[in-house]
Amino acid sequence: MEAVKKQLVLNKGGEKYIFRYECGDEAELLDCLVRQATDERTSFDWFDAAVLSFKLTQSLIGEADQLLYKDMPDPLQSYPEDSEPLL
């Protein structure tokens, strides 16, 4: 099975930063963002790293929600009045 490839993109002025990674390599991606933020040869800074790490987190949360609610027709659906919610 081929690994799913993803990417994060940041447009900053006339520059475009593209970070490609595979599912499961998010920790390595974060390490790469740190290296880029400390590299004085680029204009990529800590704010840029924070923005992309936030985007990565949001993406992972969305994927987790899809997995958690994949068997539910509508995760926001309320329970019928005669049943009790499972807690």
PDB file of N, CA and C in Angstrom:
ATOM      1  N   MET A   1       0.848  -1.181   0.000  1.00  0.00           N
ATOM      2  CA  MET A   1       0.000   0.000   0.000  1.00  0.00           C
ATOM      3  C   MET A   1       0.897   1.250   0.000  1.00  0.00           C
ATOM      4  N   GLU A   2       0.617   2.144  -0.905  1.00  0.00           N
ATOM      5  CA  GLU A   2       1.416   3.352  -1.033  1.00  0.00           C
ATOM      6  C   GLU A   2       1.035   4.365   0.039  1.00  0.00           C
ATOM      7  N   ALA A   3       2.044   5.024   0.621  1.00  0.00           N
ATOM      8  CA  ALA A   3       1.800   6.006   1.673  1.00  0.00           C
ATOM      9  C   ALA A   3       1.105   7.237   1.092  1.00  0.00           C
ATOM     10  N   VAL A   4       0.220   7.815   1.888  1.00  0.00           N
ATOM     11  CA  VAL A   4      -0.497   9.013   1.466  1.00  0.00           C
ATOM     12  C   VAL A   4       0.442  10.208   1.620  1.00  0.00           C
ATOM     13  N   LYS A   5       0.609  10.951   0.562  1.00  0.00           N
ATOM     14  CA  LYS A   5       1.475  12.130   0.596  1.00  0.00           C
ATOM     15  C   LYS A   5       0.626  13.370   0.812  1.00  0.00           C
ATOM     16  N   LYS A   6       1.125  14.243   1.673  1.00  0.00           N
ATOM     17  CA  LYS A   6       0.420  15.481   1.983  1.00  0.00           C
ATOM     18  C   LYS A   6       1.388  16.630   1.863  1.00  0.00           C
ATOM     19  N   GLN A   7       0.852  17.837   1.933  1.00  0.00           N
ATOM     20  CA  GLN A   7       1.737  18.986   1.919  1.00  0.00           C
ATOM     21  C   GLN A   7       1.115  20.154   2.651  1.00  0.00           C
ATOM     22  N   LEU A   8       1.988  20.981   3.199  1.00  0.00           N
ATOM     23  CA  LEU A   8       1.608  22.261   3.784  1.00  0.00           C
ATOM     24  C   LEU A   8       2.276  23.334   2.942  1.00  0.00           C
ATOM     25  N   VAL A   9       1.552  24.384   2.636  1.00  0.00           N
ATOM     26  CA  VAL A   9       2.080  25.450   1.785  1.00  0.00           C
ATOM     27  C   VAL A   9       1.930  26.782   2.498  1.00  0.00           C
ATOM     28  N   LEU A  10       2.984  27.578   2.444  1.00  0.00           N
ATOM     29  CA  LEU A  10       2.959  28.927   3.003  1.00  0.00           C
ATOM     30  C   LEU A  10       3.442  29.896   1.939  1.00  0.00           C
ATOM     31  N   ASN A  11       2.587  30.846   1.586  1.00  0.00           N
ATOM     32  CA  ASN A  11       2.980  31.934   0.695  1.00  0.00           C
ATOM     33  C   ASN A  11       3.356  33.121   1.558  1.00  0.00           C
ATOM     34  N   LYS A  12       4.586  33.609   1.377  1.00  0.00           N
ATOM     35  CA  LYS A  12       5.077  34.732   2.178  1.00  0.00           C
ATOM     36  C   LYS A  12       5.742  35.718   1.229  1.00  0.00           C
ATOM     37  N   GLY A  13       5.036  36.810   0.982  1.00  0.00           N
ATOM     38  CA  GLY A  13       5.561  37.767   0.018  1.00  0.00           C
ATOM     39  C   GLY A  13       5.704  37.096  -1.331  1.00  0.00           C
ATOM     40  N   GLY A  14       6.882  37.190  -1.912  1.00  0.00           N
ATOM     41  CA  GLY A  14       7.153  36.557  -3.197  1.00  0.00           C
ATOM     42  C   GLY A  14       7.676  35.145  -3.060  1.00  0.00           C
ATOM     43  N   GLU A  15       7.729  34.630  -1.846  1.00  0.00           N
ATOM     44  CA  GLU A  15       8.259  33.289  -1.618  1.00  0.00           C
ATOM     45  C   GLU A  15       7.131  32.302  -1.339  1.00  0.00           C
ATOM     46  N   LYS A  16       7.393  31.069  -1.692  1.00  0.00           N
ATOM     47  CA  LYS A  16       6.429  30.002  -1.416  1.00  0.00           C
ATOM     48  C   LYS A  16       7.206  28.860  -0.770  1.00  0.00           C
ATOM     49  N   TYR A  17       6.745  28.462   0.414  1.00  0.00           N
ATOM     50  CA  TYR A  17       7.352  27.344   1.127  1.00  0.00           C
ATOM     51  C   TYR A  17       6.401  26.158   1.026  1.00  0.00           C
ATOM     52  N   ILE A  18       6.916  25.048   0.520  1.00  0.00           N
ATOM     53  CA  ILE A  18       6.119  23.837   0.369  1.00  0.00           C
ATOM     54  C   ILE A  18       6.811  22.730   1.159  1.00  0.00           C
ATOM     55  N   PHE A  19       6.074  22.161   2.095  1.00  0.00           N
ATOM     56  CA  PHE A  19       6.580  21.062   2.915  1.00  0.00           C
ATOM     57  C   PHE A  19       5.746  19.831   2.599  1.00  0.00           C
ATOM     58  N   ARG A  20       6.380  18.819   2.007  1.00  0.00           N
ATOM     59  CA  ARG A  20       5.686  17.576   1.670  1.00  0.00           C
ATOM     60  C   ARG A  20       6.074  16.513   2.688  1.00  0.00           C
ATOM     61  N   TYR A  21       5.089  15.704   3.063  1.00  0.00           N
ATOM     62  CA  TYR A  21       5.326  14.667   4.055  1.00  0.00           C
ATOM     63  C   TYR A  21       4.327  13.542   3.856  1.00  0.00           C
ATOM     64  N   GLU A  22       4.615  12.417   4.484  1.00  0.00           N
ATOM     65  CA  GLU A  22       3.705  11.269   4.429  1.00  0.00           C
ATOM     66  C   GLU A  22       2.991  11.135   5.769  1.00  0.00           C
ATOM     67  N   CYS A  23       1.812  10.523   5.747  1.00  0.00           N
ATOM     68  CA  CYS A  23       1.091  10.271   6.984  1.00  0.00           C
ATOM     69  C   CYS A  23       2.000   9.498   7.929  1.00  0.00           C
ATOM     70  N   GLY A  24       2.028   9.922   9.173  1.00  0.00           N
ATOM     71  CA  GLY A  24       2.890   9.298  10.166  1.00  0.00           C
ATOM     72  C   GLY A  24       4.215  10.014  10.343  1.00  0.00           C
ATOM     73  N   ASP A  25       4.544  10.931   9.441  1.00  0.00           N
ATOM     74  CA  ASP A  25       5.808  11.667   9.522  1.00  0.00           C
ATOM     75  C   ASP A  25       5.617  13.088  10.052  1.00  0.00           C
ATOM     76  N   GLU A  26       4.536  13.312  10.782  1.00  0.00           N
ATOM     77  CA  GLU A  26       4.247  14.667  11.267  1.00  0.00           C
ATOM     78  C   GLU A  26       5.327  15.180  12.228  1.00  0.00           C
ATOM     79  N   ALA A  27       5.883  14.300  13.051  1.00  0.00           N
ATOM     80  CA  ALA A  27       6.933  14.724  13.992  1.00  0.00           C
ATOM     81  C   ALA A  27       8.173  15.211  13.224  1.00  0.00           C
ATOM     82  N   GLU A  28       8.520  14.508  12.160  1.00  0.00           N
ATOM     83  CA  GLU A  28       9.652  14.932  11.341  1.00  0.00           C
ATOM     84  C   GLU A  28       9.364  16.264  10.657  1.00  0.00           C
ATOM     85  N   LEU A  29       8.110  16.451  10.255  1.00  0.00           N
ATOM     86  CA  LEU A  29       7.720  17.730   9.656  1.00  0.00           C
ATOM     87  C   LEU A  29       7.904  18.868  10.654  1.00  0.00           C
ATOM     88  N   LEU A  30       7.479  18.652  11.890  1.00  0.00           N
ATOM     89  CA  LEU A  30       7.656  19.690  12.910  1.00  0.00           C
ATOM     90  C   LEU A  30       9.134  19.994  13.134  1.00  0.00           C
ATOM     91  N   ASP A  31       9.970  18.962  13.145  1.00  0.00           N
ATOM     92  CA  ASP A  31      11.417  19.173  13.273  1.00  0.00           C
ATOM     93  C   ASP A  31      11.942  20.011  12.106  1.00  0.00           C
ATOM     94  N   CYS A  32      11.434  19.746  10.930  1.00  0.00           N
ATOM     95  CA  CYS A  32      11.837  20.500   9.737  1.00  0.00           C
ATOM     96  C   CYS A  32      11.420  21.964   9.852  1.00  0.00           C
ATOM     97  N   LEU A  33      10.226  22.216  10.368  1.00  0.00           N
ATOM     98  CA  LEU A  33       9.777  23.601  10.549  1.00  0.00           C
ATOM     99  C   LEU A  33      10.694  24.341  11.517  1.00  0.00           C
ATOM    100  N   VAL A  34      11.130  23.660  12.571  1.00  0.00           N
ATOM    101  CA  VAL A  34      12.052  24.268  13.532  1.00  0.00           C
ATOM    102  C   VAL A  34      13.382  24.592  12.856  1.00  0.00           C
ATOM    103  N   ARG A  35      13.901  23.647  12.075  1.00  0.00           N
ATOM    104  CA  ARG A  35      15.168  23.895  11.364  1.00  0.00           C
ATOM    105  C   ARG A  35      15.048  25.081  10.419  1.00  0.00           C
ATOM    106  N   GLN A  36      13.924  25.170   9.713  1.00  0.00           N
ATOM    107  CA  GLN A  36      13.734  26.295   8.793  1.00  0.00           C
ATOM    108  C   GLN A  36      13.657  27.618   9.544  1.00  0.00           C
ATOM    109  N   ALA A  37      12.991  27.618  10.690  1.00  0.00           N
ATOM    110  CA  ALA A  37      12.834  28.852  11.465  1.00  0.00           C
ATOM    111  C   ALA A  37      14.168  29.340  12.019  1.00  0.00           C
ATOM    112  N   THR A  38      15.105  28.434  12.252  1.00  0.00           N
ATOM    113  CA  THR A  38      16.411  28.822  12.787  1.00  0.00           C
ATOM    114  C   THR A  38      17.443  29.075  11.699  1.00  0.00           C
ATOM    115  N   ASP A  39      17.081  28.821  10.453  1.00  0.00           N
ATOM    116  CA  ASP A  39      18.003  29.025   9.332  1.00  0.00           C
ATOM    117  C   ASP A  39      17.967  30.494   8.921  1.00  0.00           C
ATOM    118  N   GLU A  40      19.044  31.184   9.125  1.00  0.00           N
ATOM    119  CA  GLU A  40      19.107  32.623   8.836  1.00  0.00           C
ATOM    120  C   GLU A  40      19.177  32.924   7.337  1.00  0.00           C
ATOM    121  N   ARG A  41      19.347  31.898   6.510  1.00  0.00           N
ATOM    122  CA  ARG A  41      19.416  32.131   5.060  1.00  0.00           C
ATOM    123  C   ARG A  41      18.050  32.331   4.423  1.00  0.00           C
ATOM    124  N   THR A  42      16.974  32.065   5.175  1.00  0.00           N
ATOM    125  CA  THR A  42      15.627  32.227   4.632  1.00  0.00           C
ATOM    126  C   THR A  42      14.849  33.236   5.473  1.00  0.00           C
ATOM    127  N   SER A  43      13.736  33.689   4.942  1.00  0.00           N
ATOM    128  CA  SER A  43      12.880  34.611   5.693  1.00  0.00           C
ATOM    129  C   SER A  43      11.829  33.852   6.504  1.00  0.00           C
ATOM    130  N   PHE A  44      11.858  32.518   6.444  1.00  0.00           N
ATOM    131  CA  PHE A  44      10.937  31.691   7.214  1.00  0.00           C
ATOM    132  C   PHE A  44      11.288  31.873   8.689  1.00  0.00           C
ATOM    133  N   ASP A  45      10.287  32.288   9.495  1.00  0.00           N
ATOM    134  CA  ASP A  45      10.581  32.585  10.899  1.00  0.00           C
ATOM    135  C   ASP A  45       9.686  31.764  11.821  1.00  0.00           C
ATOM    136  N   TRP A  46       9.778  32.047  13.129  1.00  0.00           N
ATOM    137  CA  TRP A  46       9.020  31.287  14.119  1.00  0.00           C
ATOM    138  C   TRP A  46       7.515  31.470  13.962  1.00  0.00           C
ATOM    139  N   PHE A  47       7.093  32.648  13.548  1.00  0.00           N
ATOM    140  CA  PHE A  47       5.664  32.853  13.315  1.00  0.00           C
ATOM    141  C   PHE A  47       5.180  31.946  12.183  1.00  0.00           C
ATOM    142  N   ASP A  48       5.962  31.859  11.126  1.00  0.00           N
ATOM    143  CA  ASP A  48       5.609  30.986  10.001  1.00  0.00           C
ATOM    144  C   ASP A  48       5.531  29.525  10.456  1.00  0.00           C
ATOM    145  N   ALA A  49       6.488  29.110  11.275  1.00  0.00           N
ATOM    146  CA  ALA A  49       6.487  27.746  11.803  1.00  0.00           C
ATOM    147  C   ALA A  49       5.240  27.504  12.649  1.00  0.00           C
ATOM    148  N   ALA A  50       4.862  28.509  13.444  1.00  0.00           N
ATOM    149  CA  ALA A  50       3.666  28.375  14.287  1.00  0.00           C
ATOM    150  C   ALA A  50       2.408  28.276  13.434  1.00  0.00           C
ATOM    151  N   VAL A  51       2.328  29.064  12.383  1.00  0.00           N
ATOM    152  CA  VAL A  51       1.156  29.026  11.494  1.00  0.00           C
ATOM    153  C   VAL A  51       1.027  27.648  10.851  1.00  0.00           C
ATOM    154  N   LEU A  52       2.136  27.118  10.342  1.00  0.00           N
ATOM    155  CA  LEU A  52       2.066  25.817   9.682  1.00  0.00           C
ATOM    156  C   LEU A  52       1.823  24.685  10.677  1.00  0.00           C
ATOM    157  N   SER A  53       2.377  24.792  11.872  1.00  0.00           N
ATOM    158  CA  SER A  53       2.112  23.742  12.864  1.00  0.00           C
ATOM    159  C   SER A  53       0.651  23.787  13.292  1.00  0.00           C
ATOM    160  N   PHE A  54       0.062  24.977  13.343  1.00  0.00           N
ATOM    161  CA  PHE A  54      -1.372  25.093  13.643  1.00  0.00           C
ATOM    162  C   PHE A  54      -2.196  24.453  12.532  1.00  0.00           C
ATOM    163  N   LYS A  55      -1.828  24.720  11.278  1.00  0.00           N
ATOM    164  CA  LYS A  55      -2.534  24.116  10.147  1.00  0.00           C
ATOM    165  C   LYS A  55      -2.418  22.596  10.190  1.00  0.00           C
ATOM    166  N   LEU A  56      -1.247  22.093  10.547  1.00  0.00           N
ATOM    167  CA  LEU A  56      -1.050  20.656  10.670  1.00  0.00           C
ATOM    168  C   LEU A  56      -1.949  20.083  11.755  1.00  0.00           C
ATOM    169  N   THR A  57      -1.998  20.755  12.896  1.00  0.00           N
ATOM    170  CA  THR A  57      -2.846  20.304  14.002  1.00  0.00           C
ATOM    171  C   THR A  57      -4.305  20.275  13.591  1.00  0.00           C
ATOM    172  N   GLN A  58      -4.768  21.308  12.931  1.00  0.00           N
ATOM    173  CA  GLN A  58      -6.164  21.351  12.477  1.00  0.00           C
ATOM    174  C   GLN A  58      -6.460  20.207  11.519  1.00  0.00           C
ATOM    175  N   SER A  59      -5.526  19.915  10.648  1.00  0.00           N
ATOM    176  CA  SER A  59      -5.698  18.811   9.703  1.00  0.00           C
ATOM    177  C   SER A  59      -5.797  17.480  10.445  1.00  0.00           C
ATOM    178  N   LEU A  60      -4.933  17.276  11.437  1.00  0.00           N
ATOM    179  CA  LEU A  60      -4.961  16.030  12.208  1.00  0.00           C
ATOM    180  C   LEU A  60      -6.250  15.895  13.007  1.00  0.00           C
ATOM    181  N   ILE A  61      -6.740  16.999  13.550  1.00  0.00           N
ATOM    182  CA  ILE A  61      -8.015  16.978  14.284  1.00  0.00           C
ATOM    183  C   ILE A  61      -9.149  16.588  13.337  1.00  0.00           C
ATOM    184  N   GLY A  62      -9.140  17.139  12.140  1.00  0.00           N
ATOM    185  CA  GLY A  62     -10.165  16.795  11.153  1.00  0.00           C
ATOM    186  C   GLY A  62     -10.123  15.319  10.783  1.00  0.00           C
ATOM    187  N   GLU A  63      -8.915  14.776  10.618  1.00  0.00           N
ATOM    188  CA  GLU A  63      -8.790  13.357  10.309  1.00  0.00           C
ATOM    189  C   GLU A  63      -9.279  12.492  11.472  1.00  0.00           C
ATOM    190  N   ALA A  64      -8.949  12.901  12.693  1.00  0.00           N
ATOM    191  CA  ALA A  64      -9.398  12.152  13.867  1.00  0.00           C
ATOM    192  C   ALA A  64     -10.916  12.170  13.965  1.00  0.00           C
ATOM    193  N   ASP A  65     -11.525  13.312  13.709  1.00  0.00           N
ATOM    194  CA  ASP A  65     -12.989  13.409  13.733  1.00  0.00           C
ATOM    195  C   ASP A  65     -13.612  12.476  12.697  1.00  0.00           C
ATOM    196  N   GLN A  66     -13.023  12.413  11.521  1.00  0.00           N
ATOM    197  CA  GLN A  66     -13.551  11.526  10.487  1.00  0.00           C
ATOM    198  C   GLN A  66     -13.503  10.069  10.937  1.00  0.00           C
ATOM    199  N   LEU A  67     -12.409   9.683  11.588  1.00  0.00           N
ATOM    200  CA  LEU A  67     -12.293   8.312  12.078  1.00  0.00           C
ATOM    201  C   LEU A  67     -13.284   8.031  13.209  1.00  0.00           C
ATOM    202  N   LEU A  68     -13.425   8.989  14.118  1.00  0.00           N
ATOM    203  CA  LEU A  68     -14.311   8.797  15.266  1.00  0.00           C
ATOM    204  C   LEU A  68     -15.770   8.707  14.866  1.00  0.00           C
ATOM    205  N   TYR A  69     -16.156   9.487  13.872  1.00  0.00           N
ATOM    206  CA  TYR A  69     -17.565   9.586  13.519  1.00  0.00           C
ATOM    207  C   TYR A  69     -17.922   8.904  12.211  1.00  0.00           C
ATOM    208  N   LYS A  70     -17.015   8.057  11.681  1.00  0.00           N
ATOM    209  CA  LYS A  70     -17.265   7.463  10.364  1.00  0.00           C
ATOM    210  C   LYS A  70     -18.496   6.566  10.334  1.00  0.00           C
ATOM    211  N   ASP A  71     -18.836   5.949  11.466  1.00  0.00           N
ATOM    212  CA  ASP A  71     -19.988   5.047  11.492  1.00  0.00           C
ATOM    213  C   ASP A  71     -21.274   5.736  11.924  1.00  0.00           C
ATOM    214  N   MET A  72     -21.199   7.002  12.232  1.00  0.00           N
ATOM    215  CA  MET A  72     -22.390   7.746  12.646  1.00  0.00           C
ATOM    216  C   MET A  72     -22.931   8.525  11.455  1.00  0.00           C
ATOM    217  N   PRO A  73     -24.226   8.433  11.195  1.00  0.00           N
ATOM    218  CA  PRO A  73     -24.781   9.178  10.061  1.00  0.00           C
ATOM    219  C   PRO A  73     -24.635  10.685  10.245  1.00  0.00           C
ATOM    220  N   ASP A  74     -24.796  11.171  11.460  1.00  0.00           N
ATOM    221  CA  ASP A  74     -24.661  12.597  11.751  1.00  0.00           C
ATOM    222  C   ASP A  74     -24.162  12.736  13.184  1.00  0.00           C
ATOM    223  N   PRO A  75     -22.884  13.120  13.381  1.00  0.00           N
ATOM    224  CA  PRO A  75     -22.345  13.186  14.744  1.00  0.00           C
ATOM    225  C   PRO A  75     -23.056  14.200  15.635  1.00  0.00           C
ATOM    226  N   LEU A  76     -23.782  15.116  15.064  1.00  0.00           N
ATOM    227  CA  LEU A  76     -24.493  16.114  15.858  1.00  0.00           C
ATOM    228  C   LEU A  76     -25.946  15.723  16.097  1.00  0.00           C
ATOM    229  N   GLN A  77     -26.321  14.555  15.602  1.00  0.00           N
ATOM    230  CA  GLN A  77     -27.688  14.082  15.745  1.00  0.00           C
ATOM    231  C   GLN A  77     -28.009  13.883  17.232  1.00  0.00           C
ATOM    232  N   SER A  78     -29.169  14.350  17.634  1.00  0.00           N
ATOM    233  CA  SER A  78     -29.572  14.185  19.032  1.00  0.00           C
ATOM    234  C   SER A  78     -30.175  12.804  19.236  1.00  0.00           C
ATOM    235  N   TYR A  79     -30.206  12.376  20.479  1.00  0.00           N
ATOM    236  CA  TYR A  79     -30.778  11.083  20.828  1.00  0.00           C
ATOM    237  C   TYR A  79     -32.296  11.194  20.860  1.00  0.00           C
ATOM    238  N   PRO A  80     -32.972  10.108  20.532  1.00  0.00           N
ATOM    239  CA  PRO A  80     -34.435  10.108  20.668  1.00  0.00           C
ATOM    240  C   PRO A  80     -34.810  10.338  22.124  1.00  0.00           C
ATOM    241  N   GLU A  81     -35.953  10.944  22.365  1.00  0.00           N
ATOM    242  CA  GLU A  81     -36.364  11.307  23.729  1.00  0.00           C
ATOM    243  C   GLU A  81     -36.488  10.093  24.643  1.00  0.00           C
ATOM    244  N   ASP A  82     -36.800   8.924  24.103  1.00  0.00           N
ATOM    245  CA  ASP A  82     -36.998   7.750  24.954  1.00  0.00           C
ATOM    246  C   ASP A  82     -35.710   6.975  25.227  1.00  0.00           C
ATOM    247  N   SER A  83     -34.574   7.437  24.726  1.00  0.00           N
ATOM    248  CA  SER A  83     -33.311   6.752  24.999  1.00  0.00           C
ATOM    249  C   SER A  83     -32.374   7.656  25.781  1.00  0.00           C
ATOM    250  N   GLU A  84     -31.423   7.021  26.437  1.00  0.00           N
ATOM    251  CA  GLU A  84     -30.442   7.774  27.194  1.00  0.00           C
ATOM    252  C   GLU A  84     -29.128   7.774  26.426  1.00  0.00           C
ATOM    253  N   PRO A  85     -28.406   8.888  26.447  1.00  0.00           N
ATOM    254  CA  PRO A  85     -27.117   8.920  25.747  1.00  0.00           C
ATOM    255  C   PRO A  85     -26.107   8.011  26.441  1.00  0.00           C
ATOM    256  N   LEU A  86     -25.218   7.434  25.654  1.00  0.00           N
ATOM    257  CA  LEU A  86     -24.149   6.595  26.201  1.00  0.00           C
ATOM    258  C   LEU A  86     -23.033   7.498  26.682  1.00  0.00           C
ATOM    259  N   LEU A  87     -22.660   7.357  27.918  1.00  0.00           N
ATOM    260  CA  LEU A  87     -21.561   8.161  28.450  1.00  0.00           C
ATOM    261  C   LEU A  87     -20.459   7.303  28.966  1.00  0.00           C
TER     262      LEU A  87
END
